[in-house]
Amino acid sequence: MSDDAIDFSPLDPTADTGHFESLVARITAAARPELERRRLQSSVWWQMVRWRRPMLAAAAMIVLVSLTMAQIVRSPAGNLEGTGQIAGTLGIPTALAGWLASDTLPAPSQMLFLIEEE
């Protein structure tokens, strides 16, 4: 083993400037069509066009679920009905569902009692 520094100069690609510039120009010319295609497809408008079907499907599903839940929860008189059924389906206590539906704030003791019930 020697302590002499290793000469890496034969591996330097920029040693022959003309050859290096020619290599860079050929690579750039070969990559130009693909880079242009990627540049055009990365615009916001192109992405929205590509995702229009999934976005519309998701929006339709959200509307369908929202309308279905509105029909289940709201009675013709405007009072909430079926809160117990929804609470049972979601696995939450009926009292909690009632508080959420009526937008009332329960007393801390009532909430503690509800937690202890579980």
PDB file of N, CA and C in Angstrom:
ATOM      1  N   MET A   1       0.828  -1.167   0.000  1.00  0.00           N
ATOM      2  CA  MET A   1       0.000   0.000   0.000  1.00  0.00           C
ATOM      3  C   MET A   1       0.879   1.238   0.000  1.00  0.00           C
ATOM      4  N   SER A   2       0.470   2.235  -0.759  1.00  0.00           N
ATOM      5  CA  SER A   2       1.271   3.458  -0.796  1.00  0.00           C
ATOM      6  C   SER A   2       0.428   4.654  -0.368  1.00  0.00           C
ATOM      7  N   ASP A   3       1.092   5.658   0.106  1.00  0.00           N
ATOM      8  CA  ASP A   3       0.417   6.872   0.546  1.00  0.00           C
ATOM      9  C   ASP A   3       0.340   7.915  -0.563  1.00  0.00           C
ATOM     10  N   ASP A   4       0.727   7.545  -1.781  1.00  0.00           N
ATOM     11  CA  ASP A   4       0.687   8.493  -2.900  1.00  0.00           C
ATOM     12  C   ASP A   4      -0.756   8.754  -3.313  1.00  0.00           C
ATOM     13  N   ALA A   5      -1.048   9.965  -3.740  1.00  0.00           N
ATOM     14  CA  ALA A   5      -2.397  10.333  -4.192  1.00  0.00           C
ATOM     15  C   ALA A   5      -2.686   9.634  -5.519  1.00  0.00           C
ATOM     16  N   ILE A   6      -3.920   9.224  -5.694  1.00  0.00           N
ATOM     17  CA  ILE A   6      -4.333   8.545  -6.920  1.00  0.00           C
ATOM     18  C   ILE A   6      -4.710   9.601  -7.946  1.00  0.00           C
ATOM     19  N   ASP A   7      -4.252   9.416  -9.159  1.00  0.00           N
ATOM     20  CA  ASP A   7      -4.533  10.366 -10.243  1.00  0.00           C
ATOM     21  C   ASP A   7      -5.810   9.933 -10.972  1.00  0.00           C
ATOM     22  N   PHE A   8      -6.892  10.691 -10.791  1.00  0.00           N
ATOM     23  CA  PHE A   8      -8.166  10.397 -11.446  1.00  0.00           C
ATOM     24  C   PHE A   8      -8.372  11.218 -12.709  1.00  0.00           C
ATOM     25  N   SER A   9      -7.403  11.943 -13.148  1.00  0.00           N
ATOM     26  CA  SER A   9      -7.568  12.814 -14.317  1.00  0.00           C
ATOM     27  C   SER A   9      -7.955  12.069 -15.600  1.00  0.00           C
ATOM     28  N   PRO A  10      -7.540  10.806 -15.839  1.00  0.00           N
ATOM     29  CA  PRO A  10      -8.008  10.114 -17.045  1.00  0.00           C
ATOM     30  C   PRO A  10      -9.521   9.855 -17.048  1.00  0.00           C
ATOM     31  N   LEU A  11     -10.157   9.906 -15.887  1.00  0.00           N
ATOM     32  CA  LEU A  11     -11.605   9.672 -15.802  1.00  0.00           C
ATOM     33  C   LEU A  11     -12.428  10.947 -15.956  1.00  0.00           C
ATOM     34  N   ASP A  12     -11.782  12.089 -16.052  1.00  0.00           N
ATOM     35  CA  ASP A  12     -12.478  13.371 -16.154  1.00  0.00           C
ATOM     36  C   ASP A  12     -13.143  13.506 -17.524  1.00  0.00           C
ATOM     37  N   PRO A  13     -14.502  13.592 -17.581  1.00  0.00           N
ATOM     38  CA  PRO A  13     -15.175  13.684 -18.872  1.00  0.00           C
ATOM     39  C   PRO A  13     -14.984  15.050 -19.540  1.00  0.00           C
ATOM     40  N   THR A  14     -14.636  16.058 -18.764  1.00  0.00           N
ATOM     41  CA  THR A  14     -14.471  17.392 -19.342  1.00  0.00           C
ATOM     42  C   THR A  14     -13.054  17.654 -19.830  1.00  0.00           C
ATOM     43  N   ALA A  15     -12.180  16.654 -19.787  1.00  0.00           N
ATOM     44  CA  ALA A  15     -10.800  16.848 -20.231  1.00  0.00           C
ATOM     45  C   ALA A  15     -10.759  17.187 -21.723  1.00  0.00           C
ATOM     46  N   ASP A  16     -11.549  16.470 -22.526  1.00  0.00           N
ATOM     47  CA  ASP A  16     -11.660  16.775 -23.956  1.00  0.00           C
ATOM     48  C   ASP A  16     -12.945  17.592 -24.123  1.00  0.00           C
ATOM     49  N   THR A  17     -12.819  18.898 -24.133  1.00  0.00           N
ATOM     50  CA  THR A  17     -13.965  19.803 -24.135  1.00  0.00           C
ATOM     51  C   THR A  17     -14.863  19.596 -25.346  1.00  0.00           C
ATOM     52  N   GLY A  18     -14.302  19.420 -26.506  1.00  0.00           N
ATOM     53  CA  GLY A  18     -15.099  19.232 -27.724  1.00  0.00           C
ATOM     54  C   GLY A  18     -15.943  17.978 -27.656  1.00  0.00           C
ATOM     55  N   HIS A  19     -15.349  16.870 -27.204  1.00  0.00           N
ATOM     56  CA  HIS A  19     -16.090  15.610 -27.086  1.00  0.00           C
ATOM     57  C   HIS A  19     -17.193  15.729 -26.038  1.00  0.00           C
ATOM     58  N   PHE A  20     -16.886  16.378 -24.920  1.00  0.00           N
ATOM     59  CA  PHE A  20     -17.870  16.533 -23.846  1.00  0.00           C
ATOM     60  C   PHE A  20     -19.068  17.377 -24.302  1.00  0.00           C
ATOM     61  N   GLU A  21     -18.805  18.497 -24.973  1.00  0.00           N
ATOM     62  CA  GLU A  21     -19.891  19.355 -25.462  1.00  0.00           C
ATOM     63  C   GLU A  21     -20.742  18.617 -26.493  1.00  0.00           C
ATOM     64  N   SER A  22     -20.107  17.819 -27.343  1.00  0.00           N
ATOM     65  CA  SER A  22     -20.839  17.033 -28.340  1.00  0.00           C
ATOM     66  C   SER A  22     -21.739  16.003 -27.650  1.00  0.00           C
ATOM     67  N   LEU A  23     -21.222  15.361 -26.616  1.00  0.00           N
ATOM     68  CA  LEU A  23     -22.002  14.381 -25.864  1.00  0.00           C
ATOM     69  C   LEU A  23     -23.209  15.028 -25.194  1.00  0.00           C
ATOM     70  N   VAL A  24     -23.017  16.173 -24.584  1.00  0.00           N
ATOM     71  CA  VAL A  24     -24.119  16.896 -23.927  1.00  0.00           C
ATOM     72  C   VAL A  24     -25.167  17.309 -24.957  1.00  0.00           C
ATOM     73  N   ALA A  25     -24.743  17.781 -26.108  1.00  0.00           N
ATOM     74  CA  ALA A  25     -25.681  18.208 -27.151  1.00  0.00           C
ATOM     75  C   ALA A  25     -26.498  17.031 -27.666  1.00  0.00           C
ATOM     76  N   ARG A  26     -25.874  15.864 -27.860  1.00  0.00           N
ATOM     77  CA  ARG A  26     -26.620  14.679 -28.335  1.00  0.00           C
ATOM     78  C   ARG A  26     -27.629  14.199 -27.302  1.00  0.00           C
ATOM     79  N   ILE A  27     -27.230  14.188 -26.043  1.00  0.00           N
ATOM     80  CA  ILE A  27     -28.156  13.752 -24.981  1.00  0.00           C
ATOM     81  C   ILE A  27     -29.326  14.716 -24.875  1.00  0.00           C
ATOM     82  N   THR A  28     -29.052  16.003 -24.931  1.00  0.00           N
ATOM     83  CA  THR A  28     -30.116  17.016 -24.852  1.00  0.00           C
ATOM     84  C   THR A  28     -31.067  16.893 -26.033  1.00  0.00           C
ATOM     85  N   ALA A  29     -30.534  16.680 -27.232  1.00  0.00           N
ATOM     86  CA  ALA A  29     -31.385  16.541 -28.420  1.00  0.00           C
ATOM     87  C   ALA A  29     -32.236  15.285 -28.333  1.00  0.00           C
ATOM     88  N   ALA A  30     -31.689  14.202 -27.820  1.00  0.00           N
ATOM     89  CA  ALA A  30     -32.442  12.955 -27.708  1.00  0.00           C
ATOM     90  C   ALA A  30     -33.541  13.060 -26.644  1.00  0.00           C
ATOM     91  N   ALA A  31     -33.305  13.836 -25.595  1.00  0.00           N
ATOM     92  CA  ALA A  31     -34.271  13.947 -24.503  1.00  0.00           C
ATOM     93  C   ALA A  31     -35.321  15.023 -24.743  1.00  0.00           C
ATOM     94  N   ARG A  32     -35.115  15.910 -25.713  1.00  0.00           N
ATOM     95  CA  ARG A  32     -36.007  17.052 -25.920  1.00  0.00           C
ATOM     96  C   ARG A  32     -37.484  16.657 -26.105  1.00  0.00           C
ATOM     97  N   PRO A  33     -37.837  15.669 -26.969  1.00  0.00           N
ATOM     98  CA  PRO A  33     -39.263  15.342 -27.126  1.00  0.00           C
ATOM     99  C   PRO A  33     -39.924  14.858 -25.835  1.00  0.00           C
ATOM    100  N   GLU A  34     -39.224  14.019 -25.083  1.00  0.00           N
ATOM    101  CA  GLU A  34     -39.792  13.516 -23.829  1.00  0.00           C
ATOM    102  C   GLU A  34     -39.930  14.626 -22.799  1.00  0.00           C
ATOM    103  N   LEU A  35     -38.948  15.507 -22.708  1.00  0.00           N
ATOM    104  CA  LEU A  35     -39.035  16.622 -21.764  1.00  0.00           C
ATOM    105  C   LEU A  35     -40.165  17.568 -22.137  1.00  0.00           C
ATOM    106  N   GLU A  36     -40.390  17.794 -23.409  1.00  0.00           N
ATOM    107  CA  GLU A  36     -41.489  18.661 -23.853  1.00  0.00           C
ATOM    108  C   GLU A  36     -42.844  18.023 -23.519  1.00  0.00           C
ATOM    109  N   ARG A  37     -42.955  16.710 -23.742  1.00  0.00           N
ATOM    110  CA  ARG A  37     -44.205  15.999 -23.411  1.00  0.00           C
ATOM    111  C   ARG A  37     -44.482  16.095 -21.913  1.00  0.00           C
ATOM    112  N   ARG A  38     -43.479  15.886 -21.094  1.00  0.00           N
ATOM    113  CA  ARG A  38     -43.668  15.970 -19.645  1.00  0.00           C
ATOM    114  C   ARG A  38     -43.998  17.391 -19.208  1.00  0.00           C
ATOM    115  N   ARG A  39     -43.408  18.395 -19.830  1.00  0.00           N
ATOM    116  CA  ARG A  39     -43.689  19.782 -19.475  1.00  0.00           C
ATOM    117  C   ARG A  39     -45.146  20.116 -19.759  1.00  0.00           C
ATOM    118  N   LEU A  40     -45.664  19.654 -20.898  1.00  0.00           N
ATOM    119  CA  LEU A  40     -47.048  19.942 -21.245  1.00  0.00           C
ATOM    120  C   LEU A  40     -48.027  19.211 -20.327  1.00  0.00           C
ATOM    121  N   GLN A  41     -47.687  17.996 -19.935  1.00  0.00           N
ATOM    122  CA  GLN A  41     -48.598  17.218 -19.091  1.00  0.00           C
ATOM    123  C   GLN A  41     -48.528  17.606 -17.626  1.00  0.00           C
ATOM    124  N   SER A  42     -47.598  18.422 -17.236  1.00  0.00           N
ATOM    125  CA  SER A  42     -47.510  18.797 -15.830  1.00  0.00           C
ATOM    126  C   SER A  42     -48.290  20.068 -15.518  1.00  0.00           C
ATOM    127  N   SER A  43     -48.972  20.642 -16.510  1.00  0.00           N
ATOM    128  CA  SER A  43     -49.741  21.852 -16.236  1.00  0.00           C
ATOM    129  C   SER A  43     -50.987  21.507 -15.411  1.00  0.00           C
ATOM    130  N   VAL A  44     -51.486  22.489 -14.709  1.00  0.00           N
ATOM    131  CA  VAL A  44     -52.665  22.288 -13.864  1.00  0.00           C
ATOM    132  C   VAL A  44     -53.869  21.884 -14.701  1.00  0.00           C
ATOM    133  N   TRP A  45     -54.039  22.511 -15.846  1.00  0.00           N
ATOM    134  CA  TRP A  45     -55.203  22.212 -16.688  1.00  0.00           C
ATOM    135  C   TRP A  45     -55.148  20.783 -17.212  1.00  0.00           C
ATOM    136  N   TRP A  46     -53.973  20.324 -17.604  1.00  0.00           N
ATOM    137  CA  TRP A  46     -53.856  18.952 -18.094  1.00  0.00           C
ATOM    138  C   TRP A  46     -54.150  17.959 -16.970  1.00  0.00           C
ATOM    139  N   GLN A  47     -53.687  18.240 -15.769  1.00  0.00           N
ATOM    140  CA  GLN A  47     -53.958  17.355 -14.645  1.00  0.00           C
ATOM    141  C   GLN A  47     -55.453  17.313 -14.332  1.00  0.00           C
ATOM    142  N   MET A  48     -56.125  18.457 -14.441  1.00  0.00           N
ATOM    143  CA  MET A  48     -57.573  18.472 -14.196  1.00  0.00           C
ATOM    144  C   MET A  48     -58.311  17.670 -15.258  1.00  0.00           C
ATOM    145  N   VAL A  49     -57.865  17.741 -16.502  1.00  0.00           N
ATOM    146  CA  VAL A  49     -58.481  16.953 -17.567  1.00  0.00           C
ATOM    147  C   VAL A  49     -58.274  15.467 -17.298  1.00  0.00           C
ATOM    148  N   ARG A  50     -57.081  15.095 -16.869  1.00  0.00           N
ATOM    149  CA  ARG A  50     -56.796  13.683 -16.599  1.00  0.00           C
ATOM    150  C   ARG A  50     -57.615  13.145 -15.432  1.00  0.00           C
ATOM    151  N   TRP A  51     -57.893  13.987 -14.442  1.00  0.00           N
ATOM    152  CA  TRP A  51     -58.580  13.549 -13.233  1.00  0.00           C
ATOM    153  C   TRP A  51     -60.065  13.883 -13.228  1.00  0.00           C
ATOM    154  N   ARG A  52     -60.632  14.310 -14.351  1.00  0.00           N
ATOM    155  CA  ARG A  52     -62.026  14.748 -14.323  1.00  0.00           C
ATOM    156  C   ARG A  52     -62.983  13.606 -13.987  1.00  0.00           C
ATOM    157  N   ARG A  53     -62.778  12.423 -14.531  1.00  0.00           N
ATOM    158  CA  ARG A  53     -63.687  11.311 -14.228  1.00  0.00           C
ATOM    159  C   ARG A  53     -63.632  10.908 -12.756  1.00  0.00           C
ATOM    160  N   PRO A  54     -62.450  10.673 -12.192  1.00  0.00           N
ATOM    161  CA  PRO A  54     -62.432  10.332 -10.760  1.00  0.00           C
ATOM    162  C   PRO A  54     -62.983  11.446  -9.870  1.00  0.00           C
ATOM    163  N   MET A  55     -62.713  12.721 -10.226  1.00  0.00           N
ATOM    164  CA  MET A  55     -63.239  13.821  -9.422  1.00  0.00           C
ATOM    165  C   MET A  55     -64.763  13.878  -9.504  1.00  0.00           C
ATOM    166  N   LEU A  56     -65.311  13.682 -10.706  1.00  0.00           N
ATOM    167  CA  LEU A  56     -66.764  13.699 -10.851  1.00  0.00           C
ATOM    168  C   LEU A  56     -67.401  12.521 -10.125  1.00  0.00           C
ATOM    169  N   ALA A  57     -66.764  11.362 -10.181  1.00  0.00           N
ATOM    170  CA  ALA A  57     -67.297  10.197  -9.472  1.00  0.00           C
ATOM    171  C   ALA A  57     -67.284  10.426  -7.965  1.00  0.00           C
ATOM    172  N   ALA A  58     -66.202  10.998  -7.450  1.00  0.00           N
ATOM    173  CA  ALA A  58     -66.127  11.277  -6.014  1.00  0.00           C
ATOM    174  C   ALA A  58     -67.158  12.323  -5.605  1.00  0.00           C
ATOM    175  N   ALA A  59     -67.328  13.355  -6.420  1.00  0.00           N
ATOM    176  CA  ALA A  59     -68.320  14.390  -6.112  1.00  0.00           C
ATOM    177  C   ALA A  59     -69.730  13.803  -6.124  1.00  0.00           C
ATOM    178  N   ALA A  60     -70.015  12.952  -7.097  1.00  0.00           N
ATOM    179  CA  ALA A  60     -71.342  12.321  -7.168  1.00  0.00           C
ATOM    180  C   ALA A  60     -71.587  11.432  -5.953  1.00  0.00           C
ATOM    181  N   MET A  61     -70.563  10.711  -5.521  1.00  0.00           N
ATOM    182  CA  MET A  61     -70.711   9.843  -4.351  1.00  0.00           C
ATOM    183  C   MET A  61     -70.952  10.671  -3.098  1.00  0.00           C
ATOM    184  N   ILE A  62     -70.243  11.779  -2.956  1.00  0.00           N
ATOM    185  CA  ILE A  62     -70.440  12.650  -1.790  1.00  0.00           C
ATOM    186  C   ILE A  62     -71.850  13.216  -1.778  1.00  0.00           C
ATOM    187  N   VAL A  63     -72.336  13.649  -2.930  1.00  0.00           N
ATOM    188  CA  VAL A  63     -73.699  14.178  -3.018  1.00  0.00           C
ATOM    189  C   VAL A  63     -74.711  13.092  -2.682  1.00  0.00           C
ATOM    190  N   LEU A  64     -74.518  11.897  -3.204  1.00  0.00           N
ATOM    191  CA  LEU A  64     -75.443  10.791  -2.956  1.00  0.00           C
ATOM    192  C   LEU A  64     -75.493  10.433  -1.471  1.00  0.00           C
ATOM    193  N   VAL A  65     -74.339  10.319  -0.843  1.00  0.00           N
ATOM    194  CA  VAL A  65     -74.293   9.986   0.582  1.00  0.00           C
ATOM    195  C   VAL A  65     -74.899  11.114   1.408  1.00  0.00           C
ATOM    196  N   SER A  66     -74.612  12.361   1.054  1.00  0.00           N
ATOM    197  CA  SER A  66     -75.156  13.500   1.802  1.00  0.00           C
ATOM    198  C   SER A  66     -76.673  13.556   1.704  1.00  0.00           C
ATOM    199  N   LEU A  67     -77.196  13.372   0.512  1.00  0.00           N
ATOM    200  CA  LEU A  67     -78.656  13.396   0.355  1.00  0.00           C
ATOM    201  C   LEU A  67     -79.324  12.238   1.081  1.00  0.00           C
ATOM    202  N   THR A  68     -78.698  11.075   1.028  1.00  0.00           N
ATOM    203  CA  THR A  68     -79.256   9.920   1.734  1.00  0.00           C
ATOM    204  C   THR A  68     -79.269  10.160   3.232  1.00  0.00           C
ATOM    205  N   MET A  69     -78.172  10.668   3.779  1.00  0.00           N
ATOM    206  CA  MET A  69     -78.133  10.940   5.218  1.00  0.00           C
ATOM    207  C   MET A  69     -79.120  12.040   5.600  1.00  0.00           C
ATOM    208  N   ALA A  70     -79.278  13.035   4.739  1.00  0.00           N
ATOM    209  CA  ALA A  70     -80.244  14.095   5.032  1.00  0.00           C
ATOM    210  C   ALA A  70     -81.662  13.537   5.066  1.00  0.00           C
ATOM    211  N   GLN A  71     -81.980  12.605   4.196  1.00  0.00           N
ATOM    212  CA  GLN A  71     -83.312  12.002   4.193  1.00  0.00           C
ATOM    213  C   GLN A  71     -83.527  11.116   5.414  1.00  0.00           C
ATOM    214  N   ILE A  72     -82.489  10.437   5.852  1.00  0.00           N
ATOM    215  CA  ILE A  72     -82.623   9.554   7.008  1.00  0.00           C
ATOM    216  C   ILE A  72     -82.789  10.367   8.287  1.00  0.00           C
ATOM    217  N   VAL A  73     -82.000  11.428   8.425  1.00  0.00           N
ATOM    218  CA  VAL A  73     -81.945  12.163   9.681  1.00  0.00           C
ATOM    219  C   VAL A  73     -83.081  13.161   9.834  1.00  0.00           C
ATOM    220  N   ARG A  74     -83.483  13.836   8.778  1.00  0.00           N
ATOM    221  CA  ARG A  74     -84.442  14.934   8.898  1.00  0.00           C
ATOM    222  C   ARG A  74     -85.879  14.446   8.661  1.00  0.00           C
ATOM    223  N   SER A  75     -86.764  14.864   9.545  1.00  0.00           N
ATOM    224  CA  SER A  75     -88.185  14.566   9.375  1.00  0.00           C
ATOM    225  C   SER A  75     -88.837  15.731   8.633  1.00  0.00           C
ATOM    226  N   PRO A  76     -90.073  15.561   8.124  1.00  0.00           N
ATOM    227  CA  PRO A  76     -90.729  16.661   7.417  1.00  0.00           C
ATOM    228  C   PRO A  76     -90.922  17.910   8.276  1.00  0.00           C
ATOM    229  N   ALA A  77     -91.078  17.749   9.582  1.00  0.00           N
ATOM    230  CA  ALA A  77     -91.299  18.897  10.459  1.00  0.00           C
ATOM    231  C   ALA A  77     -89.999  19.625  10.801  1.00  0.00           C
ATOM    232  N   GLY A  78     -88.885  19.068  10.387  1.00  0.00           N
ATOM    233  CA  GLY A  78     -87.606  19.704  10.687  1.00  0.00           C
ATOM    234  C   GLY A  78     -86.957  19.139  11.936  1.00  0.00           C
ATOM    235  N   ASN A  79     -87.664  18.291  12.676  1.00  0.00           N
ATOM    236  CA  ASN A  79     -87.077  17.664  13.856  1.00  0.00           C
ATOM    237  C   ASN A  79     -86.219  16.488  13.410  1.00  0.00           C
ATOM    238  N   LEU A  80     -85.258  16.173  14.225  1.00  0.00           N
ATOM    239  CA  LEU A  80     -84.386  15.051  13.889  1.00  0.00           C
ATOM    240  C   LEU A  80     -85.013  13.759  14.376  1.00  0.00           C
ATOM    241  N   GLU A  81     -85.051  12.787  13.503  1.00  0.00           N
ATOM    242  CA  GLU A  81     -85.536  11.474  13.908  1.00  0.00           C
ATOM    243  C   GLU A  81     -84.531  10.436  13.424  1.00  0.00           C
ATOM    244  N   GLY A  82     -84.567   9.326  13.994  1.00  0.00           N
ATOM    245  CA  GLY A  82     -83.651   8.269  13.592  1.00  0.00           C
ATOM    246  C   GLY A  82     -82.255   8.440  14.150  1.00  0.00           C
ATOM    247  N   THR A  83     -82.106   9.331  15.106  1.00  0.00           N
ATOM    248  CA  THR A  83     -80.780   9.556  15.680  1.00  0.00           C
ATOM    249  C   THR A  83     -80.281   8.307  16.380  1.00  0.00           C
ATOM    250  N   GLY A  84     -81.177   7.608  17.042  1.00  0.00           N
ATOM    251  CA  GLY A  84     -80.795   6.368  17.725  1.00  0.00           C
ATOM    252  C   GLY A  84     -80.335   5.310  16.746  1.00  0.00           C
ATOM    253  N   GLN A  85     -80.993   5.223  15.589  1.00  0.00           N
ATOM    254  CA  GLN A  85     -80.598   4.240  14.580  1.00  0.00           C
ATOM    255  C   GLN A  85     -79.212   4.562  14.039  1.00  0.00           C
ATOM    256  N   ILE A  86     -78.971   5.832  13.746  1.00  0.00           N
ATOM    257  CA  ILE A  86     -77.667   6.232  13.209  1.00  0.00           C
ATOM    258  C   ILE A  86     -76.591   6.029  14.260  1.00  0.00           C
ATOM    259  N   ALA A  87     -76.899   6.375  15.514  1.00  0.00           N
ATOM    260  CA  ALA A  87     -75.926   6.194  16.584  1.00  0.00           C
ATOM    261  C   ALA A  87     -75.578   4.725  16.738  1.00  0.00           C
ATOM    262  N   GLY A  88     -76.574   3.863  16.669  1.00  0.00           N
ATOM    263  CA  GLY A  88     -76.318   2.422  16.771  1.00  0.00           C
ATOM    264  C   GLY A  88     -75.475   1.924  15.621  1.00  0.00           C
ATOM    265  N   THR A  89     -75.747   2.433  14.426  1.00  0.00           N
ATOM    266  CA  THR A  89     -74.977   2.027  13.255  1.00  0.00           C
ATOM    267  C   THR A  89     -73.528   2.475  13.368  1.00  0.00           C
ATOM    268  N   LEU A  90     -73.322   3.705  13.848  1.00  0.00           N
ATOM    269  CA  LEU A  90     -71.969   4.233  13.970  1.00  0.00           C
ATOM    270  C   LEU A  90     -71.262   3.760  15.230  1.00  0.00           C
ATOM    271  N   GLY A  91     -71.997   3.173  16.155  1.00  0.00           N
ATOM    272  CA  GLY A  91     -71.394   2.678  17.381  1.00  0.00           C
ATOM    273  C   GLY A  91     -71.126   3.749  18.415  1.00  0.00           C
ATOM    274  N   ILE A  92     -71.918   4.829  18.405  1.00  0.00           N
ATOM    275  CA  ILE A  92     -71.761   5.864  19.423  1.00  0.00           C
ATOM    276  C   ILE A  92     -73.005   5.872  20.295  1.00  0.00           C
ATOM    277  N   PRO A  93     -72.892   6.321  21.541  1.00  0.00           N
ATOM    278  CA  PRO A  93     -74.056   6.349  22.432  1.00  0.00           C
ATOM    279  C   PRO A  93     -75.157   7.264  21.889  1.00  0.00           C
ATOM    280  N   THR A  94     -76.402   6.881  22.150  1.00  0.00           N
ATOM    281  CA  THR A  94     -77.552   7.639  21.664  1.00  0.00           C
ATOM    282  C   THR A  94     -77.577   9.043  22.257  1.00  0.00           C
ATOM    283  N   ALA A  95     -77.199   9.187  23.518  1.00  0.00           N
ATOM    284  CA  ALA A  95     -77.192  10.515  24.153  1.00  0.00           C
ATOM    285  C   ALA A  95     -76.218  11.443  23.450  1.00  0.00           C
ATOM    286  N   LEU A  96     -75.053  10.919  23.101  1.00  0.00           N
ATOM    287  CA  LEU A  96     -74.073  11.732  22.398  1.00  0.00           C
ATOM    288  C   LEU A  96     -74.601  12.147  21.025  1.00  0.00           C
ATOM    289  N   ALA A  97     -75.249  11.232  20.331  1.00  0.00           N
ATOM    290  CA  ALA A  97     -75.822  11.563  19.024  1.00  0.00           C
ATOM    291  C   ALA A  97     -76.895  12.635  19.161  1.00  0.00           C
ATOM    292  N   GLY A  98     -77.682  12.574  20.227  1.00  0.00           N
ATOM    293  CA  GLY A  98     -78.694  13.598  20.465  1.00  0.00           C
ATOM    294  C   GLY A  98     -78.084  14.963  20.724  1.00  0.00           C
ATOM    295  N   TRP A  99     -77.008  14.996  21.492  1.00  0.00           N
ATOM    296  CA  TRP A  99     -76.329  16.268  21.765  1.00  0.00           C
ATOM    297  C   TRP A  99     -75.743  16.841  20.477  1.00  0.00           C
ATOM    298  N   LEU A 100     -75.144  15.980  19.674  1.00  0.00           N
ATOM    299  CA  LEU A 100     -74.569  16.450  18.414  1.00  0.00           C
ATOM    300  C   LEU A 100     -75.641  16.968  17.466  1.00  0.00           C
ATOM    301  N   ALA A 101     -76.783  16.286  17.423  1.00  0.00           N
ATOM    302  CA  ALA A 101     -77.850  16.679  16.511  1.00  0.00           C
ATOM    303  C   ALA A 101     -78.511  17.982  16.938  1.00  0.00           C
ATOM    304  N   SER A 102     -78.598  18.217  18.253  1.00  0.00           N
ATOM    305  CA  SER A 102     -79.293  19.423  18.730  1.00  0.00           C
ATOM    306  C   SER A 102     -78.340  20.575  18.986  1.00  0.00           C
ATOM    307  N   ASP A 103     -77.055  20.381  18.827  1.00  0.00           N
ATOM    308  CA  ASP A 103     -76.048  21.420  19.055  1.00  0.00           C
ATOM    309  C   ASP A 103     -76.097  21.976  20.471  1.00  0.00           C
ATOM    310  N   THR A 104     -76.427  21.134  21.442  1.00  0.00           N
ATOM    311  CA  THR A 104     -76.413  21.572  22.843  1.00  0.00           C
ATOM    312  C   THR A 104     -75.140  21.078  23.503  1.00  0.00           C
ATOM    313  N   LEU A 105     -74.688  21.837  24.462  1.00  0.00           N
ATOM    314  CA  LEU A 105     -73.480  21.479  25.184  1.00  0.00           C
ATOM    315  C   LEU A 105     -73.879  20.817  26.491  1.00  0.00           C
ATOM    316  N   PRO A 106     -73.531  19.527  26.666  1.00  0.00           N
ATOM    317  CA  PRO A 106     -73.918  18.850  27.903  1.00  0.00           C
ATOM    318  C   PRO A 106     -73.021  19.287  29.066  1.00  0.00           C
ATOM    319  N   ALA A 107     -73.508  19.046  30.249  1.00  0.00           N
ATOM    320  CA  ALA A 107     -72.725  19.338  31.448  1.00  0.00           C
ATOM    321  C   ALA A 107     -71.590  18.320  31.541  1.00  0.00           C
ATOM    322  N   PRO A 108     -70.480  18.695  32.137  1.00  0.00           N
ATOM    323  CA  PRO A 108     -69.366  17.748  32.278  1.00  0.00           C
ATOM    324  C   PRO A 108     -69.764  16.475  33.022  1.00  0.00           C
ATOM    325  N   SER A 109     -70.644  16.601  33.988  1.00  0.00           N
ATOM    326  CA  SER A 109     -71.061  15.406  34.726  1.00  0.00           C
ATOM    327  C   SER A 109     -71.823  14.439  33.820  1.00  0.00           C
ATOM    328  N   GLN A 110     -72.620  14.982  32.892  1.00  0.00           N
ATOM    329  CA  GLN A 110     -73.340  14.120  31.964  1.00  0.00           C
ATOM    330  C   GLN A 110     -72.363  13.391  31.029  1.00  0.00           C
ATOM    331  N   MET A 111     -71.344  14.104  30.598  1.00  0.00           N
ATOM    332  CA  MET A 111     -70.358  13.467  29.724  1.00  0.00           C
ATOM    333  C   MET A 111     -69.581  12.395  30.478  1.00  0.00           C
ATOM    334  N   LEU A 112     -69.226  12.667  31.747  1.00  0.00           N
ATOM    335  CA  LEU A 112     -68.523  11.687  32.554  1.00  0.00           C
ATOM    336  C   LEU A 112     -69.385  10.451  32.757  1.00  0.00           C
ATOM    337  N   PHE A 113     -70.672  10.652  33.009  1.00  0.00           N
ATOM    338  CA  PHE A 113     -71.597   9.528  33.172  1.00  0.00           C
ATOM    339  C   PHE A 113     -71.655   8.716  31.881  1.00  0.00           C
ATOM    340  N   LEU A 114     -71.654   9.378  30.758  1.00  0.00           N
ATOM    341  CA  LEU A 114     -71.700   8.698  29.456  1.00  0.00           C
ATOM    342  C   LEU A 114     -70.458   7.862  29.236  1.00  0.00           C
ATOM    343  N   ILE A 115     -69.299   8.400  29.627  1.00  0.00           N
ATOM    344  CA  ILE A 115     -68.037   7.673  29.453  1.00  0.00           C
ATOM    345  C   ILE A 115     -67.997   6.463  30.386  1.00  0.00           C
ATOM    346  N   GLU A 116     -68.478   6.621  31.601  1.00  0.00           N
ATOM    347  CA  GLU A 116     -68.482   5.512  32.555  1.00  0.00           C
ATOM    348  C   GLU A 116     -69.436   4.427  32.132  1.00  0.00           C
ATOM    349  N   GLU A 117     -70.512   4.776  31.402  1.00  0.00           N
ATOM    350  CA  GLU A 117     -71.462   3.784  30.909  1.00  0.00           C
ATOM    351  C   GLU A 117     -70.797   2.818  29.954  1.00  0.00           C
ATOM    352  N   GLU A 118     -69.885   3.319  29.152  1.00  0.00           N
ATOM    353  CA  GLU A 118     -69.212   2.496  28.155  1.00  0.00           C
ATOM    354  C   GLU A 118     -68.401   1.470  28.881  1.00  0.00           C
TER     355      GLU A 118
END
